[in-house]
Amino acid sequence: MGVSEDEFSITGDVRFFDKPADSGNVVSRGFCPTCGGAVYSKNSGFPGLVFVRASSLDDPSAFTPAMSVYASRAPAWDPPSSSIPNFPEMPPPSD
């Protein structure tokens, strides 16, 4: 889930692992240094945004998805919802 970096805060340490994305941008994935749980990521192609892992939230039901990206990679047992826009890979840039 993407949120403005200005409206995002976290307590505790996060360690990052950087890797090129399919687009060529660099994705910095943040993990808990104690348990290794994924917390959030940043993408050099989307400055000012952080992408929070729903699994890191105390109450993930407080948020409603607005779209599904990389829907082509969803497992058969958890298909993307047909009630929101789905993109097989990354959505095209908006003008």
PDB file of N, CA and C in Angstrom:
ATOM      1  N   MET A   1       0.851  -1.148   0.000  1.00  0.00           N
ATOM      2  CA  MET A   1       0.000   0.000   0.000  1.00  0.00           C
ATOM      3  C   MET A   1       0.901   1.215   0.000  1.00  0.00           C
ATOM      4  N   GLY A   2       0.698   2.105  -0.944  1.00  0.00           N
ATOM      5  CA  GLY A   2       1.532   3.293  -1.077  1.00  0.00           C
ATOM      6  C   GLY A   2       0.993   4.453  -0.259  1.00  0.00           C
ATOM      7  N   VAL A   3       1.880   5.087   0.480  1.00  0.00           N
ATOM      8  CA  VAL A   3       1.524   6.267   1.273  1.00  0.00           C
ATOM      9  C   VAL A   3       2.619   7.311   1.112  1.00  0.00           C
ATOM     10  N   SER A   4       2.239   8.564   1.353  1.00  0.00           N
ATOM     11  CA  SER A   4       3.202   9.653   1.277  1.00  0.00           C
ATOM     12  C   SER A   4       4.269   9.485   2.349  1.00  0.00           C
ATOM     13  N   GLU A   5       5.516   9.655   1.968  1.00  0.00           N
ATOM     14  CA  GLU A   5       6.620   9.542   2.924  1.00  0.00           C
ATOM     15  C   GLU A   5       6.489  10.582   4.034  1.00  0.00           C
ATOM     16  N   ASP A   6       5.901  11.738   3.722  1.00  0.00           N
ATOM     17  CA  ASP A   6       5.702  12.792   4.723  1.00  0.00           C
ATOM     18  C   ASP A   6       4.695  12.393   5.794  1.00  0.00           C
ATOM     19  N   GLU A   7       3.792  11.491   5.461  1.00  0.00           N
ATOM     20  CA  GLU A   7       2.749  11.068   6.405  1.00  0.00           C
ATOM     21  C   GLU A   7       3.059   9.719   7.042  1.00  0.00           C
ATOM     22  N   PHE A   8       4.265   9.220   6.833  1.00  0.00           N
ATOM     23  CA  PHE A   8       4.658   7.898   7.315  1.00  0.00           C
ATOM     24  C   PHE A   8       5.683   8.034   8.435  1.00  0.00           C
ATOM     25  N   SER A   9       5.501   7.268   9.479  1.00  0.00           N
ATOM     26  CA  SER A   9       6.523   7.218  10.529  1.00  0.00           C
ATOM     27  C   SER A   9       6.617   5.799  11.063  1.00  0.00           C
ATOM     28  N   ILE A  10       7.763   5.485  11.604  1.00  0.00           N
ATOM     29  CA  ILE A  10       8.004   4.153  12.135  1.00  0.00           C
ATOM     30  C   ILE A  10       8.922   4.286  13.343  1.00  0.00           C
ATOM     31  N   THR A  11       8.719   3.434  14.310  1.00  0.00           N
ATOM     32  CA  THR A  11       9.631   3.397  15.446  1.00  0.00           C
ATOM     33  C   THR A  11      10.442   2.112  15.365  1.00  0.00           C
ATOM     34  N   GLY A  12      11.659   2.171  15.807  1.00  0.00           N
ATOM     35  CA  GLY A  12      12.526   1.004  15.754  1.00  0.00           C
ATOM     36  C   GLY A  12      13.405   1.017  14.524  1.00  0.00           C
ATOM     37  N   ASP A  13      14.308   0.056  14.484  1.00  0.00           N
ATOM     38  CA  ASP A  13      15.271  -0.043  13.386  1.00  0.00           C
ATOM     39  C   ASP A  13      14.697  -0.805  12.204  1.00  0.00           C
ATOM     40  N   VAL A  14      15.124  -0.392  11.018  1.00  0.00           N
ATOM     41  CA  VAL A  14      14.792  -1.099   9.784  1.00  0.00           C
ATOM     42  C   VAL A  14      16.083  -1.220   8.987  1.00  0.00           C
ATOM     43  N   ARG A  15      16.358  -2.387   8.466  1.00  0.00           N
ATOM     44  CA  ARG A  15      17.528  -2.599   7.611  1.00  0.00           C
ATOM     45  C   ARG A  15      17.041  -2.790   6.187  1.00  0.00           C
ATOM     46  N   PHE A  16      17.800  -2.272   5.224  1.00  0.00           N
ATOM     47  CA  PHE A  16      17.367  -2.274   3.833  1.00  0.00           C
ATOM     48  C   PHE A  16      18.238  -3.160   2.946  1.00  0.00           C
ATOM     49  N   PHE A  17      17.579  -3.730   1.949  1.00  0.00           N
ATOM     50  CA  PHE A  17      18.227  -4.501   0.906  1.00  0.00           C
ATOM     51  C   PHE A  17      17.787  -3.894  -0.417  1.00  0.00           C
ATOM     52  N   ASP A  18      18.728  -3.457  -1.239  1.00  0.00           N
ATOM     53  CA  ASP A  18      18.424  -2.818  -2.522  1.00  0.00           C
ATOM     54  C   ASP A  18      18.577  -3.811  -3.668  1.00  0.00           C
ATOM     55  N   LYS A  19      17.635  -3.719  -4.607  1.00  0.00           N
ATOM     56  CA  LYS A  19      17.670  -4.597  -5.778  1.00  0.00           C
ATOM     57  C   LYS A  19      17.003  -3.885  -6.951  1.00  0.00           C
ATOM     58  N   PRO A  20      17.541  -4.039  -8.170  1.00  0.00           N
ATOM     59  CA  PRO A  20      16.870  -3.450  -9.337  1.00  0.00           C
ATOM     60  C   PRO A  20      15.517  -4.113  -9.582  1.00  0.00           C
ATOM     61  N   ALA A  21      14.526  -3.307  -9.926  1.00  0.00           N
ATOM     62  CA  ALA A  21      13.194  -3.813 -10.273  1.00  0.00           C
ATOM     63  C   ALA A  21      13.150  -4.132 -11.765  1.00  0.00           C
ATOM     64  N   ASP A  22      12.049  -4.742 -12.209  1.00  0.00           N
ATOM     65  CA  ASP A  22      11.867  -5.042 -13.634  1.00  0.00           C
ATOM     66  C   ASP A  22      12.006  -3.779 -14.483  1.00  0.00           C
ATOM     67  N   SER A  23      11.617  -2.637 -13.913  1.00  0.00           N
ATOM     68  CA  SER A  23      11.641  -1.359 -14.624  1.00  0.00           C
ATOM     69  C   SER A  23      13.033  -0.765 -14.729  1.00  0.00           C
ATOM     70  N   GLY A  24      13.975  -1.271 -13.945  1.00  0.00           N
ATOM     71  CA  GLY A  24      15.306  -0.672 -13.872  1.00  0.00           C
ATOM     72  C   GLY A  24      15.454   0.252 -12.677  1.00  0.00           C
ATOM     73  N   ASN A  25      14.335   0.611 -12.043  1.00  0.00           N
ATOM     74  CA  ASN A  25      14.402   1.402 -10.815  1.00  0.00           C
ATOM     75  C   ASN A  25      14.996   0.538  -9.702  1.00  0.00           C
ATOM     76  N   VAL A  26      15.461   1.197  -8.653  1.00  0.00           N
ATOM     77  CA  VAL A  26      15.993   0.464  -7.501  1.00  0.00           C
ATOM     78  C   VAL A  26      14.908   0.394  -6.429  1.00  0.00           C
ATOM     79  N   VAL A  27      14.632  -0.818  -5.957  1.00  0.00           N
ATOM     80  CA  VAL A  27      13.686  -1.025  -4.866  1.00  0.00           C
ATOM     81  C   VAL A  27      14.499  -1.283  -3.604  1.00  0.00           C
ATOM     82  N   SER A  28      14.236  -0.485  -2.576  1.00  0.00           N
ATOM     83  CA  SER A  28      14.871  -0.659  -1.274  1.00  0.00           C
ATOM     84  C   SER A  28      13.843  -1.272  -0.348  1.00  0.00           C
ATOM     85  N   ARG A  29      14.057  -2.531   0.022  1.00  0.00           N
ATOM     86  CA  ARG A  29      13.108  -3.242   0.879  1.00  0.00           C
ATOM     87  C   ARG A  29      13.597  -3.189   2.319  1.00  0.00           C
ATOM     88  N   GLY A  30      12.704  -2.750   3.218  1.00  0.00           N
ATOM     89  CA  GLY A  30      13.048  -2.618   4.620  1.00  0.00           C
ATOM     90  C   GLY A  30      12.548  -3.792   5.441  1.00  0.00           C
ATOM     91  N   PHE A  31      13.429  -4.319   6.282  1.00  0.00           N
ATOM     92  CA  PHE A  31      13.133  -5.488   7.111  1.00  0.00           C
ATOM     93  C   PHE A  31      13.452  -5.207   8.571  1.00  0.00           C
ATOM     94  N   CYS A  32      12.753  -5.871   9.460  1.00  0.00           N
ATOM     95  CA  CYS A  32      13.068  -5.839  10.884  1.00  0.00           C
ATOM     96  C   CYS A  32      14.402  -6.562  11.071  1.00  0.00           C
ATOM     97  N   PRO A  33      15.399  -5.909  11.712  1.00  0.00           N
ATOM     98  CA  PRO A  33      16.688  -6.571  11.872  1.00  0.00           C
ATOM     99  C   PRO A  33      16.664  -7.709  12.896  1.00  0.00           C
ATOM    100  N   THR A  34      15.619  -7.791  13.686  1.00  0.00           N
ATOM    101  CA  THR A  34      15.531  -8.847  14.698  1.00  0.00           C
ATOM    102  C   THR A  34      14.884 -10.109  14.144  1.00  0.00           C
ATOM    103  N   CYS A  35      13.709  -9.961  13.513  1.00  0.00           N
ATOM    104  CA  CYS A  35      12.977 -11.148  13.057  1.00  0.00           C
ATOM    105  C   CYS A  35      13.021 -11.350  11.544  1.00  0.00           C
ATOM    106  N   GLY A  36      13.464 -10.340  10.798  1.00  0.00           N
ATOM    107  CA  GLY A  36      13.535 -10.450   9.344  1.00  0.00           C
ATOM    108  C   GLY A  36      12.222 -10.185   8.632  1.00  0.00           C
ATOM    109  N   GLY A  37      11.182  -9.782   9.382  1.00  0.00           N
ATOM    110  CA  GLY A  37       9.888  -9.495   8.767  1.00  0.00           C
ATOM    111  C   GLY A  37       9.939  -8.278   7.853  1.00  0.00           C
ATOM    112  N   ALA A  38       9.285  -8.386   6.699  1.00  0.00           N
ATOM    113  CA  ALA A  38       9.217  -7.268   5.763  1.00  0.00           C
ATOM    114  C   ALA A  38       8.325  -6.177   6.345  1.00  0.00           C
ATOM    115  N   VAL A  39       8.787  -4.908   6.263  1.00  0.00           N
ATOM    116  CA  VAL A  39       8.054  -3.796   6.851  1.00  0.00           C
ATOM    117  C   VAL A  39       7.547  -2.844   5.766  1.00  0.00           C
ATOM    118  N   TYR A  40       8.448  -2.319   4.963  1.00  0.00           N
ATOM    119  CA  TYR A  40       8.044  -1.416   3.873  1.00  0.00           C
ATOM    120  C   TYR A  40       9.166  -1.330   2.859  1.00  0.00           C
ATOM    121  N   SER A  41       8.857  -0.689   1.725  1.00  0.00           N
ATOM    122  CA  SER A  41       9.864  -0.515   0.682  1.00  0.00           C
ATOM    123  C   SER A  41       9.742   0.870   0.071  1.00  0.00           C
ATOM    124  N   LYS A  42      10.797   1.242  -0.629  1.00  0.00           N
ATOM    125  CA  LYS A  42      10.829   2.479  -1.417  1.00  0.00           C
ATOM    126  C   LYS A  42      11.249   2.093  -2.828  1.00  0.00           C
ATOM    127  N   ASN A  43      10.800   2.874  -3.813  1.00  0.00           N
ATOM    128  CA  ASN A  43      11.130   2.619  -5.209  1.00  0.00           C
ATOM    129  C   ASN A  43      11.650   3.922  -5.783  1.00  0.00           C
ATOM    130  N   SER A  44      12.837   3.899  -6.375  1.00  0.00           N
ATOM    131  CA  SER A  44      13.439   5.127  -6.905  1.00  0.00           C
ATOM    132  C   SER A  44      12.578   5.771  -7.989  1.00  0.00           C
ATOM    133  N   GLY A  45      11.678   5.021  -8.598  1.00  0.00           N
ATOM    134  CA  GLY A  45      10.784   5.566  -9.615  1.00  0.00           C
ATOM    135  C   GLY A  45       9.580   6.286  -9.044  1.00  0.00           C
ATOM    136  N   PHE A  46       9.384   6.200  -7.724  1.00  0.00           N
ATOM    137  CA  PHE A  46       8.255   6.833  -7.054  1.00  0.00           C
ATOM    138  C   PHE A  46       8.749   7.625  -5.849  1.00  0.00           C
ATOM    139  N   PRO A  47       9.511   8.695  -6.094  1.00  0.00           N
ATOM    140  CA  PRO A  47      10.039   9.477  -4.970  1.00  0.00           C
ATOM    141  C   PRO A  47       8.903  10.060  -4.128  1.00  0.00           C
ATOM    142  N   GLY A  48       9.118  10.069  -2.816  1.00  0.00           N
ATOM    143  CA  GLY A  48       8.116  10.625  -1.914  1.00  0.00           C
ATOM    144  C   GLY A  48       7.070   9.635  -1.444  1.00  0.00           C
ATOM    145  N   LEU A  49       7.130   8.386  -1.949  1.00  0.00           N
ATOM    146  CA  LEU A  49       6.182   7.358  -1.527  1.00  0.00           C
ATOM    147  C   LEU A  49       6.908   6.228  -0.815  1.00  0.00           C
ATOM    148  N   VAL A  50       6.235   5.635   0.143  1.00  0.00           N
ATOM    149  CA  VAL A  50       6.694   4.382   0.740  1.00  0.00           C
ATOM    150  C   VAL A  50       5.585   3.364   0.538  1.00  0.00           C
ATOM    151  N   PHE A  51       5.965   2.113   0.429  1.00  0.00           N
ATOM    152  CA  PHE A  51       5.021   1.036   0.182  1.00  0.00           C
ATOM    153  C   PHE A  51       5.034   0.102   1.385  1.00  0.00           C
ATOM    154  N   VAL A  52       3.997   0.222   2.195  1.00  0.00           N
ATOM    155  CA  VAL A  52       3.909  -0.501   3.459  1.00  0.00           C
ATOM    156  C   VAL A  52       3.367  -1.901   3.210  1.00  0.00           C
ATOM    157  N   ARG A  53       3.987  -2.885   3.823  1.00  0.00           N
ATOM    158  CA  ARG A  53       3.495  -4.259   3.740  1.00  0.00           C
ATOM    159  C   ARG A  53       2.309  -4.408   4.674  1.00  0.00           C
ATOM    160  N   ALA A  54       1.192  -4.826   4.143  1.00  0.00           N
ATOM    161  CA  ALA A  54      -0.008  -4.992   4.969  1.00  0.00           C
ATOM    162  C   ALA A  54       0.248  -5.949   6.123  1.00  0.00           C
ATOM    163  N   SER A  55       1.110  -6.925   5.915  1.00  0.00           N
ATOM    164  CA  SER A  55       1.407  -7.902   6.969  1.00  0.00           C
ATOM    165  C   SER A  55       2.148  -7.287   8.149  1.00  0.00           C
ATOM    166  N   SER A  56       2.663  -6.070   7.985  1.00  0.00           N
ATOM    167  CA  SER A  56       3.381  -5.421   9.086  1.00  0.00           C
ATOM    168  C   SER A  56       2.458  -4.588   9.981  1.00  0.00           C
ATOM    169  N   LEU A  57       1.203  -4.442   9.595  1.00  0.00           N
ATOM    170  CA  LEU A  57       0.270  -3.599  10.339  1.00  0.00           C
ATOM    171  C   LEU A  57      -0.409  -4.364  11.465  1.00  0.00           C
ATOM    172  N   ASP A  58      -0.702  -3.654  12.534  1.00  0.00           N
ATOM    173  CA  ASP A  58      -1.455  -4.259  13.631  1.00  0.00           C
ATOM    174  C   ASP A  58      -2.873  -4.597  13.187  1.00  0.00           C
ATOM    175  N   ASP A  59      -3.453  -3.738  12.325  1.00  0.00           N
ATOM    176  CA  ASP A  59      -4.822  -3.957  11.862  1.00  0.00           C
ATOM    177  C   ASP A  59      -4.904  -3.698  10.360  1.00  0.00           C
ATOM    178  N   PRO A  60      -4.533  -4.670   9.526  1.00  0.00           N
ATOM    179  CA  PRO A  60      -4.578  -4.453   8.075  1.00  0.00           C
ATOM    180  C   PRO A  60      -5.983  -4.214   7.542  1.00  0.00           C
ATOM    181  N   SER A  61      -7.020  -4.582   8.297  1.00  0.00           N
ATOM    182  CA  SER A  61      -8.389  -4.362   7.817  1.00  0.00           C
ATOM    183  C   SER A  61      -8.778  -2.888   7.860  1.00  0.00           C
ATOM    184  N   ALA A  62      -7.927  -2.031   8.426  1.00  0.00           N
ATOM    185  CA  ALA A  62      -8.208  -0.598   8.466  1.00  0.00           C
ATOM    186  C   ALA A  62      -8.026   0.057   7.093  1.00  0.00           C
ATOM    187  N   PHE A  63      -7.463  -0.667   6.140  1.00  0.00           N
ATOM    188  CA  PHE A  63      -7.194  -0.128   4.810  1.00  0.00           C
ATOM    189  C   PHE A  63      -7.898  -0.964   3.756  1.00  0.00           C
ATOM    190  N   THR A  64      -8.306  -0.297   2.678  1.00  0.00           N
ATOM    191  CA  THR A  64      -8.981  -0.969   1.574  1.00  0.00           C
ATOM    192  C   THR A  64      -8.130  -0.824   0.318  1.00  0.00           C
ATOM    193  N   PRO A  65      -7.807  -1.913  -0.363  1.00  0.00           N
ATOM    194  CA  PRO A  65      -7.007  -1.809  -1.585  1.00  0.00           C
ATOM    195  C   PRO A  65      -7.729  -0.997  -2.657  1.00  0.00           C
ATOM    196  N   ALA A  66      -6.941  -0.213  -3.415  1.00  0.00           N
ATOM    197  CA  ALA A  66      -7.489   0.579  -4.509  1.00  0.00           C
ATOM    198  C   ALA A  66      -7.124  -0.017  -5.863  1.00  0.00           C
ATOM    199  N   MET A  67      -6.078  -0.865  -5.902  1.00  0.00           N
ATOM    200  CA  MET A  67      -5.669  -1.524  -7.138  1.00  0.00           C
ATOM    201  C   MET A  67      -4.770  -2.690  -6.789  1.00  0.00           C
ATOM    202  N   SER A  68      -4.574  -3.555  -7.762  1.00  0.00           N
ATOM    203  CA  SER A  68      -3.671  -4.684  -7.614  1.00  0.00           C
ATOM    204  C   SER A  68      -2.634  -4.609  -8.719  1.00  0.00           C
ATOM    205  N   VAL A  69      -1.347  -4.569  -8.342  1.00  0.00           N
ATOM    206  CA  VAL A  69      -0.266  -4.577  -9.327  1.00  0.00           C
ATOM    207  C   VAL A  69       0.421  -5.935  -9.284  1.00  0.00           C
ATOM    208  N   TYR A  70       1.003  -6.323 -10.396  1.00  0.00           N
ATOM    209  CA  TYR A  70       1.610  -7.639 -10.556  1.00  0.00           C
ATOM    210  C   TYR A  70       0.590  -8.744 -10.286  1.00  0.00           C
ATOM    211  N   ALA A  71      -0.639  -8.492 -10.732  1.00  0.00           N
ATOM    212  CA  ALA A  71      -1.714  -9.469 -10.544  1.00  0.00           C
ATOM    213  C   ALA A  71      -1.399 -10.797 -11.235  1.00  0.00           C
ATOM    214  N   SER A  72      -0.564 -10.749 -12.270  1.00  0.00           N
ATOM    215  CA  SER A  72      -0.185 -11.987 -12.972  1.00  0.00           C
ATOM    216  C   SER A  72       0.625 -12.919 -12.080  1.00  0.00           C
ATOM    217  N   ARG A  73       1.149 -12.408 -10.996  1.00  0.00           N
ATOM    218  CA  ARG A  73       1.965 -13.217 -10.092  1.00  0.00           C
ATOM    219  C   ARG A  73       1.188 -13.711  -8.868  1.00  0.00           C
ATOM    220  N   ALA A  74      -0.099 -13.404  -8.823  1.00  0.00           N
ATOM    221  CA  ALA A  74      -0.915 -13.856  -7.684  1.00  0.00           C
ATOM    222  C   ALA A  74      -1.043 -15.366  -7.699  1.00  0.00           C
ATOM    223  N   PRO A  75      -0.991 -15.998  -6.539  1.00  0.00           N
ATOM    224  CA  PRO A  75      -1.168 -17.454  -6.516  1.00  0.00           C
ATOM    225  C   PRO A  75      -2.608 -17.826  -6.860  1.00  0.00           C
ATOM    226  N   ALA A  76      -2.794 -18.996  -7.413  1.00  0.00           N
ATOM    227  CA  ALA A  76      -4.127 -19.453  -7.825  1.00  0.00           C
ATOM    228  C   ALA A  76      -5.106 -19.469  -6.654  1.00  0.00           C
ATOM    229  N   TRP A  77      -4.615 -19.691  -5.442  1.00  0.00           N
ATOM    230  CA  TRP A  77      -5.493 -19.777  -4.279  1.00  0.00           C
ATOM    231  C   TRP A  77      -5.875 -18.399  -3.725  1.00  0.00           C
ATOM    232  N   ASP A  78      -5.290 -17.297  -4.285  1.00  0.00           N
ATOM    233  CA  ASP A  78      -5.615 -15.941  -3.826  1.00  0.00           C
ATOM    234  C   ASP A  78      -5.671 -14.984  -5.010  1.00  0.00           C
ATOM    235  N   PRO A  79      -6.662 -15.148  -5.899  1.00  0.00           N
ATOM    236  CA  PRO A  79      -6.726 -14.296  -7.085  1.00  0.00           C
ATOM    237  C   PRO A  79      -7.061 -12.848  -6.715  1.00  0.00           C
ATOM    238  N   PRO A  80      -6.612 -11.885  -7.535  1.00  0.00           N
ATOM    239  CA  PRO A  80      -6.942 -10.486  -7.286  1.00  0.00           C
ATOM    240  C   PRO A  80      -8.453 -10.250  -7.348  1.00  0.00           C
ATOM    241  N   SER A  81      -8.909  -9.301  -6.582  1.00  0.00           N
ATOM    242  CA  SER A  81     -10.327  -8.959  -6.577  1.00  0.00           C
ATOM    243  C   SER A  81     -10.727  -8.338  -7.914  1.00  0.00           C
ATOM    244  N   SER A  82     -11.869  -8.721  -8.429  1.00  0.00           N
ATOM    245  CA  SER A  82     -12.351  -8.136  -9.685  1.00  0.00           C
ATOM    246  C   SER A  82     -13.055  -6.803  -9.445  1.00  0.00           C
ATOM    247  N   SER A  83     -13.174  -6.386  -8.185  1.00  0.00           N
ATOM    248  CA  SER A  83     -13.861  -5.124  -7.875  1.00  0.00           C
ATOM    249  C   SER A  83     -12.924  -3.914  -7.883  1.00  0.00           C
ATOM    250  N   ILE A  84     -11.616  -4.138  -8.112  1.00  0.00           N
ATOM    251  CA  ILE A  84     -10.653  -3.034  -8.185  1.00  0.00           C
ATOM    252  C   ILE A  84      -9.839  -3.201  -9.463  1.00  0.00           C
ATOM    253  N   PRO A  85      -9.203  -2.122  -9.943  1.00  0.00           N
ATOM    254  CA  PRO A  85      -8.357  -2.258 -11.132  1.00  0.00           C
ATOM    255  C   PRO A  85      -7.208  -3.231 -10.874  1.00  0.00           C
ATOM    256  N   ASN A  86      -6.956  -4.084 -11.860  1.00  0.00           N
ATOM    257  CA  ASN A  86      -5.859  -5.051 -11.782  1.00  0.00           C
ATOM    258  C   ASN A  86      -4.905  -4.813 -12.939  1.00  0.00           C
ATOM    259  N   PHE A  87      -3.611  -4.842 -12.639  1.00  0.00           N
ATOM    260  CA  PHE A  87      -2.580  -4.682 -13.649  1.00  0.00           C
ATOM    261  C   PHE A  87      -1.702  -5.934 -13.628  1.00  0.00           C
ATOM    262  N   PRO A  88      -1.515  -6.591 -14.774  1.00  0.00           N
ATOM    263  CA  PRO A  88      -0.707  -7.822 -14.805  1.00  0.00           C
ATOM    264  C   PRO A  88       0.705  -7.587 -14.277  1.00  0.00           C
ATOM    265  N   GLU A  89       1.270  -6.445 -14.577  1.00  0.00           N
ATOM    266  CA  GLU A  89       2.590  -6.051 -14.083  1.00  0.00           C
ATOM    267  C   GLU A  89       2.437  -4.657 -13.476  1.00  0.00           C
ATOM    268  N   MET A  90       3.415  -3.796 -13.661  1.00  0.00           N
ATOM    269  CA  MET A  90       3.339  -2.428 -13.149  1.00  0.00           C
ATOM    270  C   MET A  90       2.406  -1.616 -14.047  1.00  0.00           C
ATOM    271  N   PRO A  91       1.524  -0.772 -13.456  1.00  0.00           N
ATOM    272  CA  PRO A  91       0.654   0.029 -14.314  1.00  0.00           C
ATOM    273  C   PRO A  91       1.457   1.056 -15.108  1.00  0.00           C
ATOM    274  N   PRO A  92       0.924   1.456 -16.256  1.00  0.00           N
ATOM    275  CA  PRO A  92       1.638   2.473 -17.047  1.00  0.00           C
ATOM    276  C   PRO A  92       1.648   3.803 -16.307  1.00  0.00           C
ATOM    277  N   PRO A  93       2.685   4.620 -16.543  1.00  0.00           N
ATOM    278  CA  PRO A  93       2.715   5.935 -15.885  1.00  0.00           C
ATOM    279  C   PRO A  93       1.528   6.776 -16.316  1.00  0.00           C
ATOM    280  N   SER A  94       0.986   7.536 -15.387  1.00  0.00           N
ATOM    281  CA  SER A  94      -0.121   8.436 -15.732  1.00  0.00           C
ATOM    282  C   SER A  94       0.449   9.798 -16.084  1.00  0.00           C
ATOM    283  N   ASP A  95      -0.180  10.453 -17.018  1.00  0.00           N
ATOM    284  CA  ASP A  95       0.282  11.783 -17.445  1.00  0.00           C
ATOM    285  C   ASP A  95      -0.412  12.883 -16.706  1.00  0.00           C
TER     286      ASP A  95
END
